[in-house]
Every structure is written in structure tokens, then in C-alpha cells.
PDB file of all heavy atoms in Angstrom:
ATOM      1  N   LEU A   1      -2.789   5.000  12.579  1.00  0.00           N
ATOM      2  CA  LEU A   1      -3.880   5.714  13.231  1.00  0.00           C
ATOM      3  C   LEU A   1      -3.797   5.522  14.741  1.00  0.00           C
ATOM      4  O   LEU A   1      -3.733   4.385  15.219  1.00  0.00           O
ATOM      5  CB  LEU A   1      -5.235   5.216  12.702  1.00  0.00           C
ATOM      6  CG  LEU A   1      -5.497   5.471  11.216  1.00  0.00           C
ATOM      7  CD1 LEU A   1      -6.747   4.764  10.769  1.00  0.00           C
ATOM      8  CD2 LEU A   1      -5.596   6.964  10.945  1.00  0.00           C
ATOM      9  N   VAL A   2      -3.800   6.631  15.471  1.00  0.00           N
ATOM     10  CA  VAL A   2      -3.822   6.614  16.935  1.00  0.00           C
ATOM     11  C   VAL A   2      -5.172   7.134  17.339  1.00  0.00           C
ATOM     12  O   VAL A   2      -5.533   8.299  17.044  1.00  0.00           O
ATOM     13  CB  VAL A   2      -2.689   7.492  17.523  1.00  0.00           C
ATOM     14  CG1 VAL A   2      -2.699   7.400  19.041  1.00  0.00           C
ATOM     15  CG2 VAL A   2      -1.331   7.029  16.989  1.00  0.00           C
ATOM     16  N   THR A   3      -5.982   6.295  17.999  1.00  0.00           N
ATOM     17  CA  THR A   3      -7.368   6.634  18.230  1.00  0.00           C
ATOM     18  C   THR A   3      -7.723   6.536  19.704  1.00  0.00           C
ATOM     19  O   THR A   3      -6.997   5.944  20.502  1.00  0.00           O
ATOM     20  CB  THR A   3      -8.300   5.737  17.423  1.00  0.00           C
ATOM     21  OG1 THR A   3      -8.439   4.458  18.088  1.00  0.00           O
ATOM     22  CG2 THR A   3      -7.794   5.536  16.008  1.00  0.00           C
ATOM     23  N   GLY A   4      -8.848   7.097  20.058  1.00  0.00           N
ATOM     24  CA  GLY A   4      -9.357   7.039  21.436  1.00  0.00           C
ATOM     25  C   GLY A   4     -10.246   8.241  21.706  1.00  0.00           C
ATOM     26  O   GLY A   4     -10.258   9.210  20.949  1.00  0.00           O
ATOM     27  N   PRO A   5     -10.996   8.185  22.784  1.00  0.00           N
ATOM     28  CA  PRO A   5     -11.851   9.335  23.153  1.00  0.00           C
ATOM     29  C   PRO A   5     -11.024  10.533  23.592  1.00  0.00           C
ATOM     30  O   PRO A   5      -9.817  10.406  23.790  1.00  0.00           O
ATOM     31  CB  PRO A   5     -12.712   8.788  24.294  1.00  0.00           C
ATOM     32  CG  PRO A   5     -11.884   7.670  24.897  1.00  0.00           C
ATOM     33  CD  PRO A   5     -11.127   7.074  23.745  1.00  0.00           C
ATOM     34  N   THR A   6     -11.669  11.674  23.737  1.00  0.00           N
ATOM     35  CA  THR A   6     -11.009  12.866  24.223  1.00  0.00           C
ATOM     36  C   THR A   6     -10.387  12.595  25.589  1.00  0.00           C
ATOM     37  O   THR A   6     -11.021  11.992  26.442  1.00  0.00           O
ATOM     38  CB  THR A   6     -12.013  14.038  24.321  1.00  0.00           C
ATOM     39  OG1 THR A   6     -12.579  14.261  23.041  1.00  0.00           O
ATOM     40  CG2 THR A   6     -11.336  15.293  24.818  1.00  0.00           C
ATOM     41  N   GLY A   7      -9.146  13.048  25.776  1.00  0.00           N
ATOM     42  CA  GLY A   7      -8.475  12.848  27.062  1.00  0.00           C
ATOM     43  C   GLY A   7      -7.902  11.463  27.269  1.00  0.00           C
ATOM     44  O   GLY A   7      -7.614  11.084  28.403  1.00  0.00           O
ATOM     45  N   SER A   8      -7.734  10.694  26.187  1.00  0.00           N
ATOM     46  CA  SER A   8      -7.213   9.353  26.331  1.00  0.00           C
ATOM     47  C   SER A   8      -5.695   9.253  26.152  1.00  0.00           C
ATOM     48  O   SER A   8      -5.137   8.159  26.182  1.00  0.00           O
ATOM     49  CB  SER A   8      -7.890   8.402  25.305  1.00  0.00           C
ATOM     50  OG  SER A   8      -7.649   8.854  23.978  1.00  0.00           O
ATOM     51  N   GLY A   9      -5.052  10.387  25.940  1.00  0.00           N
ATOM     52  CA  GLY A   9      -3.592  10.401  25.818  1.00  0.00           C
ATOM     53  C   GLY A   9      -3.055  10.201  24.420  1.00  0.00           C
ATOM     54  O   GLY A   9      -1.886   9.891  24.224  1.00  0.00           O
ATOM     55  N   LYS A  10      -3.923  10.390  23.412  1.00  0.00           N
ATOM     56  CA  LYS A  10      -3.489  10.196  22.023  1.00  0.00           C
ATOM     57  C   LYS A  10      -2.346  11.148  21.691  1.00  0.00           C
ATOM     58  O   LYS A  10      -1.322  10.718  21.122  1.00  0.00           O
ATOM     59  CB  LYS A  10      -4.660  10.485  21.054  1.00  0.00           C
ATOM     60  CG  LYS A  10      -5.835   9.568  21.201  1.00  0.00           C
ATOM     61  CD  LYS A  10      -6.865   9.832  20.131  1.00  0.00           C
ATOM     62  CE  LYS A  10      -7.454  11.242  20.167  1.00  0.00           C
ATOM     63  NZ  LYS A  10      -8.235  11.499  21.386  1.00  0.00           N
ATOM     64  N   SER A  11      -2.481  12.418  22.022  1.00  0.00           N
ATOM     65  CA  SER A  11      -1.442  13.398  21.720  1.00  0.00           C
ATOM     66  C   SER A  11      -0.126  13.077  22.385  1.00  0.00           C
ATOM     67  O   SER A  11       0.955  13.238  21.831  1.00  0.00           O
ATOM     68  CB  SER A  11      -1.913  14.818  22.075  1.00  0.00           C
ATOM     69  OG  SER A  11      -3.055  15.189  21.336  1.00  0.00           O
ATOM     70  N   THR A  12      -0.210  12.619  23.638  1.00  0.00           N
ATOM     71  CA  THR A  12       0.994  12.297  24.397  1.00  0.00           C
ATOM     72  C   THR A  12       1.715  11.090  23.761  1.00  0.00           C
ATOM     73  O   THR A  12       2.942  11.101  23.639  1.00  0.00           O
ATOM     74  CB  THR A  12       0.627  11.968  25.859  1.00  0.00           C
ATOM     75  OG1 THR A  12      -0.031  13.104  26.408  1.00  0.00           O
ATOM     76  CG2 THR A  12       1.863  11.669  26.665  1.00  0.00           C
ATOM     77  N   SER A  13       0.958  10.077  23.350  1.00  0.00           N
ATOM     78  CA  SER A  13       1.567   8.906  22.707  1.00  0.00           C
ATOM     79  C   SER A  13       2.158   9.270  21.358  1.00  0.00           C
ATOM     80  O   SER A  13       3.277   8.842  21.026  1.00  0.00           O
ATOM     81  CB  SER A  13       0.523   7.810  22.544  1.00  0.00           C
ATOM     82  OG  SER A  13       0.110   7.300  23.804  1.00  0.00           O
ATOM     83  N   MET A  14       1.459  10.094  20.568  1.00  0.00           N
ATOM     84  CA  MET A  14       2.003  10.515  19.288  1.00  0.00           C
ATOM     85  C   MET A  14       3.243  11.362  19.481  1.00  0.00           C
ATOM     86  O   MET A  14       4.217  11.234  18.710  1.00  0.00           O
ATOM     87  CB  MET A  14       0.940  11.293  18.501  1.00  0.00           C
ATOM     88  CG  MET A  14      -0.103  10.384  17.877  1.00  0.00           C
ATOM     89  SD  MET A  14      -1.382  11.184  16.927  1.00  0.00           S
ATOM     90  CE  MET A  14      -0.576  12.483  16.126  1.00  0.00           C
ATOM     91  N   ALA A  15       3.260  12.196  20.498  1.00  0.00           N
ATOM     92  CA  ALA A  15       4.455  13.018  20.766  1.00  0.00           C
ATOM     93  C   ALA A  15       5.631  12.137  21.119  1.00  0.00           C
ATOM     94  O   ALA A  15       6.775  12.398  20.710  1.00  0.00           O
ATOM     95  CB  ALA A  15       4.167  13.996  21.905  1.00  0.00           C
ATOM     96  N   ALA A  16       5.405  11.049  21.873  1.00  0.00           N
ATOM     97  CA  ALA A  16       6.471  10.125  22.200  1.00  0.00           C
ATOM     98  C   ALA A  16       7.023   9.437  20.958  1.00  0.00           C
ATOM     99  O   ALA A  16       8.234   9.199  20.847  1.00  0.00           O
ATOM    100  CB  ALA A  16       5.976   9.108  23.218  1.00  0.00           C
ATOM    101  N   MET A  17       6.133   9.098  20.026  1.00  0.00           N
ATOM    102  CA  MET A  17       6.565   8.461  18.784  1.00  0.00           C
ATOM    103  C   MET A  17       7.389   9.434  17.942  1.00  0.00           C
ATOM    104  O   MET A  17       8.425   9.064  17.400  1.00  0.00           O
ATOM    105  CB  MET A  17       5.345   7.972  18.000  1.00  0.00           C
ATOM    106  CG  MET A  17       4.588   6.841  18.704  1.00  0.00           C
ATOM    107  SD  MET A  17       2.984   6.474  17.953  1.00  0.00           S
ATOM    108  CE  MET A  17       3.494   5.723  16.410  1.00  0.00           C
ATOM    109  N   VAL A  18       6.925  10.677  17.825  1.00  0.00           N
ATOM    110  CA  VAL A  18       7.679  11.692  17.081  1.00  0.00           C
ATOM    111  C   VAL A  18       9.033  11.951  17.757  1.00  0.00           C
ATOM    112  O   VAL A  18      10.055  12.103  17.080  1.00  0.00           O
ATOM    113  CB  VAL A  18       6.864  12.996  16.934  1.00  0.00           C
ATOM    114  CG1 VAL A  18       7.718  14.088  16.325  1.00  0.00           C
ATOM    115  CG2 VAL A  18       5.621  12.765  16.094  1.00  0.00           C
ATOM    116  N   ASP A  19       9.031  11.994  19.081  1.00  0.00           N
ATOM    117  CA  ASP A  19      10.287  12.212  19.823  1.00  0.00           C
ATOM    118  C   ASP A  19      11.265  11.084  19.527  1.00  0.00           C
ATOM    119  O   ASP A  19      12.467  11.341  19.371  1.00  0.00           O
ATOM    120  CB  ASP A  19       9.977  12.297  21.316  1.00  0.00           C
ATOM    121  CG  ASP A  19      11.210  12.514  22.163  1.00  0.00           C
ATOM    122  OD1 ASP A  19      11.834  13.595  22.040  1.00  0.00           O
ATOM    123  OD2 ASP A  19      11.579  11.611  22.923  1.00  0.00           O
ATOM    124  N   TYR A  20      10.769   9.861  19.484  1.00  0.00           N
ATOM    125  CA  TYR A  20      11.661   8.712  19.167  1.00  0.00           C
ATOM    126  C   TYR A  20      12.247   8.866  17.763  1.00  0.00           C
ATOM    127  O   TYR A  20      13.469   8.668  17.572  1.00  0.00           O
ATOM    128  CB  TYR A  20      10.849   7.418  19.277  1.00  0.00           C
ATOM    129  CG  TYR A  20      11.618   6.197  18.828  1.00  0.00           C
ATOM    130  CD1 TYR A  20      12.655   5.682  19.605  1.00  0.00           C
ATOM    131  CD2 TYR A  20      11.313   5.555  17.623  1.00  0.00           C
ATOM    132  CE1 TYR A  20      13.358   4.559  19.202  1.00  0.00           C
ATOM    133  CE2 TYR A  20      12.012   4.451  17.199  1.00  0.00           C
ATOM    134  CZ  TYR A  20      13.036   3.941  17.993  1.00  0.00           C
ATOM    135  OH  TYR A  20      13.745   2.845  17.562  1.00  0.00           O
ATOM    136  N   MET A  21      11.425   9.198  16.768  1.00  0.00           N
ATOM    137  CA  MET A  21      11.942   9.390  15.418  1.00  0.00           C
ATOM    138  C   MET A  21      12.917  10.566  15.372  1.00  0.00           C
ATOM    139  O   MET A  21      13.930  10.509  14.662  1.00  0.00           O
ATOM    140  CB  MET A  21      10.791   9.611  14.444  1.00  0.00           C
ATOM    141  CG  MET A  21       9.955   8.371  14.196  1.00  0.00           C
ATOM    142  SD  MET A  21       8.705   8.599  12.893  1.00  0.00           S
ATOM    143  CE  MET A  21       7.451   9.488  13.796  1.00  0.00           C
ATOM    144  N   ASN A  22      12.604  11.605  16.111  1.00  0.00           N
ATOM    145  CA  ASN A  22      13.453  12.799  16.132  1.00  0.00           C
ATOM    146  C   ASN A  22      14.853  12.468  16.648  1.00  0.00           C
ATOM    147  O   ASN A  22      15.854  13.016  16.167  1.00  0.00           O
ATOM    148  CB  ASN A  22      12.807  13.869  17.000  1.00  0.00           C
ATOM    149  CG  ASN A  22      13.474  15.229  16.886  1.00  0.00           C
ATOM    150  OD1 ASN A  22      14.190  15.518  15.916  1.00  0.00           O
ATOM    151  ND2 ASN A  22      13.298  16.069  17.884  1.00  0.00           N
ATOM    152  N   LYS A  23      14.934  11.592  17.611  1.00  0.00           N
ATOM    153  CA  LYS A  23      16.225  11.221  18.202  1.00  0.00           C
ATOM    154  C   LYS A  23      17.002  10.196  17.371  1.00  0.00           C
ATOM    155  O   LYS A  23      18.233  10.173  17.396  1.00  0.00           O
ATOM    156  CB  LYS A  23      16.026  10.679  19.607  1.00  0.00           C
ATOM    157  CG  LYS A  23      15.538  11.681  20.620  1.00  0.00           C
ATOM    158  CD  LYS A  23      15.213  10.992  21.940  1.00  0.00           C
ATOM    159  CE  LYS A  23      14.739  11.983  23.015  1.00  0.00           C
ATOM    160  NZ  LYS A  23      14.285  11.303  24.249  1.00  0.00           N
ATOM    161  N   GLU A  24      16.264   9.368  16.650  1.00  0.00           N
ATOM    162  CA  GLU A  24      16.872   8.190  16.031  1.00  0.00           C
ATOM    163  C   GLU A  24      16.982   8.245  14.516  1.00  0.00           C
ATOM    164  O   GLU A  24      17.781   7.517  13.935  1.00  0.00           O
ATOM    165  CB  GLU A  24      16.099   6.918  16.428  1.00  0.00           C
ATOM    166  CG  GLU A  24      15.999   6.681  17.916  1.00  0.00           C
ATOM    167  CD  GLU A  24      17.349   6.320  18.531  1.00  0.00           C
ATOM    168  OE1 GLU A  24      18.218   5.835  17.821  1.00  0.00           O
ATOM    169  OE2 GLU A  24      17.554   6.593  19.750  1.00  0.00           O
ATOM    170  N   MET A  25      16.205   9.076  13.830  1.00  0.00           N
ATOM    171  CA  MET A  25      16.081   8.938  12.384  1.00  0.00           C
ATOM    172  C   MET A  25      16.273  10.296  11.688  1.00  0.00           C
ATOM    173  O   MET A  25      15.677  11.271  12.068  1.00  0.00           O
ATOM    174  CB  MET A  25      14.695   8.378  12.002  1.00  0.00           C
ATOM    175  CG  MET A  25      14.384   7.074  12.686  1.00  0.00           C
ATOM    176  SD  MET A  25      12.677   6.558  12.423  1.00  0.00           S
ATOM    177  CE  MET A  25      12.532   5.245  13.638  1.00  0.00           C
ATOM    178  N   PRO A  26      17.088  10.320  10.612  1.00  0.00           N
ATOM    179  CA  PRO A  26      17.272  11.551   9.852  1.00  0.00           C
ATOM    180  C   PRO A  26      16.122  11.753   8.849  1.00  0.00           C
ATOM    181  O   PRO A  26      16.259  11.522   7.638  1.00  0.00           O
ATOM    182  CB  PRO A  26      18.605  11.294   9.129  1.00  0.00           C
ATOM    183  CG  PRO A  26      18.661   9.825   8.964  1.00  0.00           C
ATOM    184  CD  PRO A  26      17.945   9.207  10.151  1.00  0.00           C
ATOM    185  N   ARG A  27      15.002  12.204   9.363  1.00  0.00           N
ATOM    186  CA  ARG A  27      13.806  12.360   8.551  1.00  0.00           C
ATOM    187  C   ARG A  27      13.311  13.808   8.576  1.00  0.00           C
ATOM    188  O   ARG A  27      13.656  14.563   9.485  1.00  0.00           O
ATOM    189  CB  ARG A  27      12.676  11.456   9.057  1.00  0.00           C
ATOM    190  CG  ARG A  27      12.924   9.975   8.880  1.00  0.00           C
ATOM    191  CD  ARG A  27      11.783   9.155   9.474  1.00  0.00           C
ATOM    192  NE  ARG A  27      11.852   7.748   9.096  1.00  0.00           N
ATOM    193  CZ  ARG A  27      10.970   6.838   9.471  1.00  0.00           C
ATOM    194  NH1 ARG A  27       9.932   7.179  10.245  1.00  0.00           N
ATOM    195  NH2 ARG A  27      11.109   5.588   9.088  1.00  0.00           N
ATOM    196  N   HIS A  28      12.490  14.150   7.588  1.00  0.00           N
ATOM    197  CA  HIS A  28      11.780  15.427   7.594  1.00  0.00           C
ATOM    198  C   HIS A  28      10.357  15.159   8.032  1.00  0.00           C
ATOM    199  O   HIS A  28       9.590  14.452   7.367  1.00  0.00           O
ATOM    200  CB  HIS A  28      11.800  16.070   6.190  1.00  0.00           C
ATOM    201  CG  HIS A  28      11.098  17.405   6.149  1.00  0.00           C
ATOM    202  ND1 HIS A  28      10.598  17.933   4.981  1.00  0.00           N
ATOM    203  CD2 HIS A  28      10.827  18.298   7.117  1.00  0.00           C
ATOM    204  CE1 HIS A  28      10.044  19.094   5.246  1.00  0.00           C
ATOM    205  NE2 HIS A  28      10.178  19.341   6.531  1.00  0.00           N
ATOM    206  N   ILE A  29       9.976  15.701   9.190  1.00  0.00           N
ATOM    207  CA  ILE A  29       8.662  15.451   9.777  1.00  0.00           C
ATOM    208  C   ILE A  29       7.868  16.776   9.779  1.00  0.00           C
ATOM    209  O   ILE A  29       8.343  17.801  10.292  1.00  0.00           O
ATOM    210  CB  ILE A  29       8.798  14.955  11.230  1.00  0.00           C
ATOM    211  CG1 ILE A  29       9.624  13.668  11.274  1.00  0.00           C
ATOM    212  CG2 ILE A  29       7.442  14.734  11.863  1.00  0.00           C
ATOM    213  CD1 ILE A  29       9.985  13.206  12.672  1.00  0.00           C
ATOM    214  N   ILE A  30       6.691  16.747   9.165  1.00  0.00           N
ATOM    215  CA  ILE A  30       5.782  17.909   9.162  1.00  0.00           C
ATOM    216  C   ILE A  30       4.564  17.565  10.018  1.00  0.00           C
ATOM    217  O   ILE A  30       3.922  16.523   9.806  1.00  0.00           O
ATOM    218  CB  ILE A  30       5.334  18.254   7.726  1.00  0.00           C
ATOM    219  CG1 ILE A  30       6.539  18.644   6.879  1.00  0.00           C
ATOM    220  CG2 ILE A  30       4.324  19.391   7.747  1.00  0.00           C
ATOM    221  CD1 ILE A  30       6.196  18.884   5.407  1.00  0.00           C
ATOM    222  N   THR A  31       4.241  18.413  10.982  1.00  0.00           N
ATOM    223  CA  THR A  31       3.037  18.229  11.787  1.00  0.00           C
ATOM    224  C   THR A  31       2.001  19.294  11.424  1.00  0.00           C
ATOM    225  O   THR A  31       2.337  20.442  11.211  1.00  0.00           O
ATOM    226  CB  THR A  31       3.332  18.310  13.300  1.00  0.00           C
ATOM    227  OG1 THR A  31       3.453  19.665  13.728  1.00  0.00           O
ATOM    228  CG2 THR A  31       4.601  17.558  13.665  1.00  0.00           C
ATOM    229  N   ILE A  32       0.750  18.851  11.325  1.00  0.00           N
ATOM    230  CA  ILE A  32      -0.374  19.728  11.017  1.00  0.00           C
ATOM    231  C   ILE A  32      -1.371  19.574  12.134  1.00  0.00           C
ATOM    232  O   ILE A  32      -2.001  18.499  12.298  1.00  0.00           O
ATOM    233  CB  ILE A  32      -1.007  19.391   9.653  1.00  0.00           C
ATOM    234  CG1 ILE A  32       0.042  19.356   8.555  1.00  0.00           C
ATOM    235  CG2 ILE A  32      -2.118  20.349   9.305  1.00  0.00           C
ATOM    236  CD1 ILE A  32      -0.429  18.696   7.245  1.00  0.00           C
ATOM    237  N   GLU A  33      -1.551  20.620  12.950  1.00  0.00           N
ATOM    238  CA  GLU A  33      -2.336  20.491  14.170  1.00  0.00           C
ATOM    239  C   GLU A  33      -3.259  21.672  14.385  1.00  0.00           C
ATOM    240  O   GLU A  33      -3.072  22.738  13.775  1.00  0.00           O
ATOM    241  CB  GLU A  33      -1.427  20.341  15.405  1.00  0.00           C
ATOM    242  CG  GLU A  33      -0.465  19.156  15.313  1.00  0.00           C
ATOM    243  CD  GLU A  33       0.542  19.184  16.427  1.00  0.00           C
ATOM    244  OE1 GLU A  33       0.200  18.770  17.554  1.00  0.00           O
ATOM    245  OE2 GLU A  33       1.703  19.596  16.194  1.00  0.00           O
ATOM    246  N   ASP A  34      -4.239  21.512  15.249  1.00  0.00           N
ATOM    247  CA  ASP A  34      -5.196  22.586  15.549  1.00  0.00           C
ATOM    248  C   ASP A  34      -5.622  22.473  17.023  1.00  0.00           C
ATOM    249  O   ASP A  34      -6.603  21.796  17.356  1.00  0.00           O
ATOM    250  CB  ASP A  34      -6.408  22.454  14.643  1.00  0.00           C
ATOM    251  CG  ASP A  34      -7.440  23.557  14.910  1.00  0.00           C
ATOM    252  OD1 ASP A  34      -7.070  24.591  15.487  1.00  0.00           O
ATOM    253  OD2 ASP A  34      -8.616  23.371  14.503  1.00  0.00           O
ATOM    254  N   PRO A  35      -4.938  23.161  17.934  1.00  0.00           N
ATOM    255  CA  PRO A  35      -3.709  23.911  17.737  1.00  0.00           C
ATOM    256  C   PRO A  35      -2.477  23.020  17.927  1.00  0.00           C
ATOM    257  O   PRO A  35      -2.625  21.838  18.251  1.00  0.00           O
ATOM    258  CB  PRO A  35      -3.778  24.975  18.865  1.00  0.00           C
ATOM    259  CG  PRO A  35      -4.455  24.241  19.968  1.00  0.00           C
ATOM    260  CD  PRO A  35      -5.473  23.334  19.300  1.00  0.00           C
ATOM    261  N   ILE A  36      -1.282  23.587  17.751  1.00  0.00           N
ATOM    262  CA  ILE A  36      -0.056  22.861  18.054  1.00  0.00           C
ATOM    263  C   ILE A  36      -0.021  22.573  19.542  1.00  0.00           C
ATOM    264  O   ILE A  36      -0.295  23.431  20.371  1.00  0.00           O
ATOM    265  CB  ILE A  36       1.182  23.698  17.643  1.00  0.00           C
ATOM    266  CG1 ILE A  36       1.223  23.860  16.115  1.00  0.00           C
ATOM    267  CG2 ILE A  36       2.457  23.055  18.150  1.00  0.00           C
ATOM    268  CD1 ILE A  36       2.239  24.863  15.645  1.00  0.00           C
ATOM    269  N   GLU A  37       0.310  21.348  19.881  1.00  0.00           N
ATOM    270  CA  GLU A  37       0.378  20.958  21.285  1.00  0.00           C
ATOM    271  C   GLU A  37       1.826  20.790  21.748  1.00  0.00           C
ATOM    272  O   GLU A  37       2.429  21.714  22.267  1.00  0.00           O
ATOM    273  CB  GLU A  37      -0.450  19.688  21.518  1.00  0.00           C
ATOM    274  CG  GLU A  37      -1.942  19.928  21.230  1.00  0.00           C
ATOM    275  CD  GLU A  37      -2.813  18.763  21.641  1.00  0.00           C
ATOM    276  OE1 GLU A  37      -2.624  17.671  21.122  1.00  0.00           O
ATOM    277  OE2 GLU A  37      -3.697  18.989  22.481  1.00  0.00           O
ATOM    278  N   PHE A  38       2.397  19.629  21.533  1.00  0.00           N
ATOM    279  CA  PHE A  38       3.779  19.391  21.911  1.00  0.00           C
ATOM    280  C   PHE A  38       4.705  19.993  20.865  1.00  0.00           C
ATOM    281  O   PHE A  38       4.497  19.799  19.666  1.00  0.00           O
ATOM    282  CB  PHE A  38       4.072  17.918  22.061  1.00  0.00           C
ATOM    283  CG  PHE A  38       3.360  17.267  23.214  1.00  0.00           C
ATOM    284  CD1 PHE A  38       2.093  16.711  23.062  1.00  0.00           C
ATOM    285  CD2 PHE A  38       3.956  17.223  24.471  1.00  0.00           C
ATOM    286  CE1 PHE A  38       1.437  16.128  24.116  1.00  0.00           C
ATOM    287  CE2 PHE A  38       3.296  16.634  25.531  1.00  0.00           C
ATOM    288  CZ  PHE A  38       2.051  16.073  25.364  1.00  0.00           C
TER     289      PHE A  38
END
């Protein structure tokens, strides 16, 4: 769980984590967002 108030950088931190997995791990990642950000 990545938590914090609005504008606390949650989406940016999660995007960095997904980016790390994307570069390093052969995984299938599904994102469900409203709306899609990164």
C-alpha cells in the first residue's frame, strides 16, 4: 500500500516502482487507474 494525501507523490513513487520492475523483471503487470497517469 502506497498512501498519503492528495499531491503527496504517490503516483510518482508507484510509477518508479513499476518502472523498476519493467526494466528488471519478466512479469505481466496490469494497471487499473482512473484515469491512467504514467
